[in-house]
Protein backbone atom coordinates (compact mmCIF):
# COMPACT_ATOMS: atom_id res chain seq x y z
CA MET A 1 114.34 80.50 106.83
CA LYS A 2 113.73 80.08 103.11
CA LEU A 3 110.94 82.12 101.53
CA SER A 4 109.17 78.89 100.62
CA GLU A 5 109.16 77.87 104.27
CA HIS A 6 107.53 81.20 105.31
CA VAL A 7 104.84 80.56 102.62
CA THR A 8 104.30 77.00 103.79
CA ARG A 9 103.98 78.21 107.33
CA PHE A 10 101.42 80.77 106.25
CA SER A 11 99.45 78.41 104.01
CA GLU A 12 99.38 75.44 106.37
CA GLY A 13 99.51 77.12 109.77
CA GLU A 14 97.89 80.53 109.52
CA ARG A 15 95.39 80.12 106.69
CA PRO A 16 94.92 76.43 106.11
CA VAL A 17 91.32 76.79 104.82
CA GLY A 18 91.09 80.39 103.58
CA ILE A 19 93.41 80.21 100.56
CA LEU A 20 91.74 79.22 97.33
CA LEU A 21 94.89 79.39 95.24
CA ASP A 22 97.28 76.56 94.48
CA ALA A 23 100.67 76.43 96.13
CA PRO A 24 102.73 77.64 93.12
CA THR A 25 100.49 80.72 92.74
CA VAL A 26 100.85 81.55 96.42
CA LEU A 27 104.59 81.15 96.28
CA ALA A 28 104.73 83.37 93.19
CA GLN A 29 103.01 86.12 95.17
CA ALA A 30 105.62 85.79 97.94
CA VAL A 31 108.44 86.07 95.37
CA ALA A 32 106.73 89.17 93.91
CA ALA A 33 106.34 90.88 97.31
CA THR A 34 109.95 90.01 98.25
CA ARG A 35 111.21 91.45 94.97
CA PHE A 36 109.32 94.64 95.63
CA TYR A 37 110.77 94.81 99.18
CA GLY A 38 114.24 94.06 97.74
CA ALA A 39 114.09 97.17 95.60
CA PHE A 40 114.19 99.30 98.73
CA ALA A 41 116.21 97.24 101.19
CA GLN A 42 119.14 94.92 101.04
CA LEU A 43 118.03 91.44 101.79
CA ALA A 44 119.99 89.47 104.42
CA ASP A 45 120.64 86.82 101.73
CA PRO A 46 122.95 88.39 99.08
CA ALA A 47 121.49 86.28 96.26
CA LEU A 48 121.22 88.15 93.03
CA THR A 49 117.71 86.90 92.22
CA VAL A 50 114.74 86.46 94.43
CA THR A 51 113.47 82.89 94.29
CA ALA A 52 111.61 80.55 96.59
CA ASP A 53 115.03 79.44 97.97
CA ILE A 54 116.25 82.83 99.14
CA ASP A 55 116.76 83.25 102.84
CA VAL A 56 114.36 85.77 104.45
CA THR A 57 114.75 86.69 108.06
CA ASP A 58 111.76 87.04 110.38
CA ASP A 59 112.46 90.78 110.45
CA GLU A 60 112.24 90.98 106.66
CA TRP A 61 109.19 88.78 106.56
CA ALA A 62 107.43 91.03 109.00
CA ILE A 63 107.71 93.88 106.42
CA ILE A 64 107.07 91.61 103.38
CA ARG A 65 104.18 89.60 104.81
CA PRO A 66 101.43 92.33 104.67
CA LEU A 67 102.19 92.96 100.98
CA PHE A 68 102.26 89.23 100.34
CA VAL A 69 98.88 88.76 101.97
CA LEU A 70 97.38 91.52 99.81
CA TYR A 71 98.88 89.96 96.64
CA VAL A 72 97.35 86.62 97.59
CA GLU A 73 94.00 88.30 98.22
CA ARG A 74 94.15 90.10 94.90
CA GLU A 75 94.82 86.85 92.98
CA SER A 76 91.96 85.16 94.79
CA VAL A 77 89.57 88.01 94.05
CA LEU A 78 90.61 88.13 90.40
CA GLN A 79 89.89 84.42 90.07
CA ALA A 80 86.54 84.82 91.87
CA GLU A 81 85.52 87.70 89.68
CA GLY A 82 86.48 85.76 86.58
CA SER A 83 84.14 82.94 87.60
CA ARG A 84 81.10 85.20 87.43
CA MET A 85 80.62 84.29 83.77
CA MET A 86 79.97 80.80 85.00
CA GLY A 87 77.25 81.94 87.32
CA ILE A 88 79.33 81.83 90.53
CA GLU A 89 78.83 84.89 92.71
CA ALA A 90 82.02 86.47 94.02
CA PHE A 91 82.31 87.23 97.73
CA GLY A 92 84.43 89.56 99.81
CA ARG A 93 86.11 92.64 98.63
CA SER A 94 86.43 93.71 95.07
CA SER A 95 89.68 93.70 93.17
CA GLY A 96 89.52 97.55 93.13
CA GLU A 97 89.43 97.70 96.89
CA VAL A 98 92.30 95.29 97.20
CA ALA A 99 94.32 97.21 94.53
CA ALA A 100 93.87 100.41 96.45
CA ASP A 101 95.25 98.76 99.64
CA ILE A 102 98.18 97.39 97.66
CA THR A 103 98.95 100.84 96.24
CA ALA A 104 98.88 102.36 99.74
CA LEU A 105 101.16 99.67 101.15
CA GLU A 106 103.60 99.77 98.19
CA THR A 107 103.76 103.63 98.64
CA ASP A 108 104.57 103.19 102.30
CA LEU A 109 106.99 100.26 101.99
CA PRO A 110 110.14 102.24 101.08
CA MET A 111 109.85 104.02 104.41
CA ARG A 112 109.36 100.81 106.28
CA ALA A 113 112.22 99.11 104.53
CA PHE A 114 114.71 101.97 105.03
CA CYS A 115 117.41 101.34 107.55
CA GLN A 116 120.35 103.55 108.35
CA PRO A 117 122.88 102.25 110.92
CA ILE A 118 123.61 104.73 113.69
CA ILE A 119 127.22 105.79 113.75
CA THR A 120 128.63 107.77 116.64
CA VAL A 121 131.93 109.59 116.61
């Protein structure tokens, strides 16, 4: 399944109301999370660059998705915090709290992405 299809399924099926970002911004977060994952694991699709059209298996998406969700949350929080100057009160977690979760997940991701085939002699 294409990365863009995973994002559409997430945006329209899993979080149809909760995402305040536009579709290109959400897709950009998925590309960023997939690029980060691709630094530690070989993607099933041997494309040289990660774009919205790259094939991402459900197994890969299971590892990429939590980071993607945090990236989307961070972008939403940054936009909400930026609107405070207009008198709009932000809600939910702060960008610092989300950034701490991102750092923890990015630190753990190389271990999650690691795969060594078992060879018996």
